[in-house]
Every structure is written in structure tokens, then in C-alpha cells.
Amino acid sequence: MRVLVTGCAGFIGSHVVVLLVQQGHEVL
């Protein structure tokens, strides 16, 4: 799934991006 994450420079956002990529999602 493609996921758009806003605020990915913060603590929570950066961890969410890592988890999504590990699960095979495409982060925009």
C-alpha cells in the first residue's frame, strides 16, 4: 500500500516510516 506520512521528521513519524517500510509498504 502507498502511504503518505506528514511530519516524518519528528520522533513518532520517523519510527512509523521505518515500521511501514519494514512491512513492505511504499512511503511517499
C-alpha atoms as a PDB file:
ATOM      1  CA  MET A   1       0.000   0.000   0.000  1.00  0.00           C
ATOM      2  CA  ARG A   2       1.172   3.541  -0.642  1.00  0.00           C
ATOM      3  CA  VAL A   3       1.222   5.664   2.492  1.00  0.00           C
ATOM      4  CA  LEU A   4       1.741   9.421   2.784  1.00  0.00           C
ATOM      5  CA  VAL A   5       3.252  10.342   6.151  1.00  0.00           C
ATOM      6  CA  THR A   6       3.368  14.011   7.109  1.00  0.00           C
ATOM      7  CA  GLY A   7       5.595  15.160   9.926  1.00  0.00           C
ATOM      8  CA  CYS A   8       8.042  12.302   9.402  1.00  0.00           C
ATOM      9  CA  ALA A   9      10.950  14.381  10.728  1.00  0.00           C
ATOM     10  CA  GLY A  10       9.663  14.044  14.290  1.00  0.00           C
ATOM     11  CA  PHE A  11      10.271  11.199  16.713  1.00  0.00           C
ATOM     12  CA  ILE A  12       6.986   9.350  16.165  1.00  0.00           C
ATOM     13  CA  GLY A  13       6.854   9.954  12.412  1.00  0.00           C
ATOM     14  CA  SER A  14      10.357   8.655  11.829  1.00  0.00           C
ATOM     15  CA  HIS A  15       9.572   5.427  13.690  1.00  0.00           C
ATOM     16  CA  VAL A  16       6.277   4.999  11.820  1.00  0.00           C
ATOM     17  CA  VAL A  17       8.088   5.329   8.476  1.00  0.00           C
ATOM     18  CA  VAL A  18      10.613   2.643   9.451  1.00  0.00           C
ATOM     19  CA  LEU A  19       7.860   0.248  10.542  1.00  0.00           C
ATOM     20  CA  LEU A  20       5.841   0.806   7.357  1.00  0.00           C
ATOM     21  CA  VAL A  21       8.864   0.167   5.131  1.00  0.00           C
ATOM     22  CA  GLN A  22       9.733  -2.999   7.069  1.00  0.00           C
ATOM     23  CA  GLN A  23       6.184  -4.245   6.470  1.00  0.00           C
ATOM     24  CA  GLY A  24       6.585  -3.724   2.721  1.00  0.00           C
ATOM     25  CA  HIS A  25       4.593  -0.519   2.283  1.00  0.00           C
ATOM     26  CA  GLU A  26       5.655   2.269  -0.061  1.00  0.00           C
ATOM     27  CA  VAL A  27       6.081   5.506   1.892  1.00  0.00           C
ATOM     28  CA  LEU A  28       5.664   8.756  -0.016  1.00  0.00           C
END
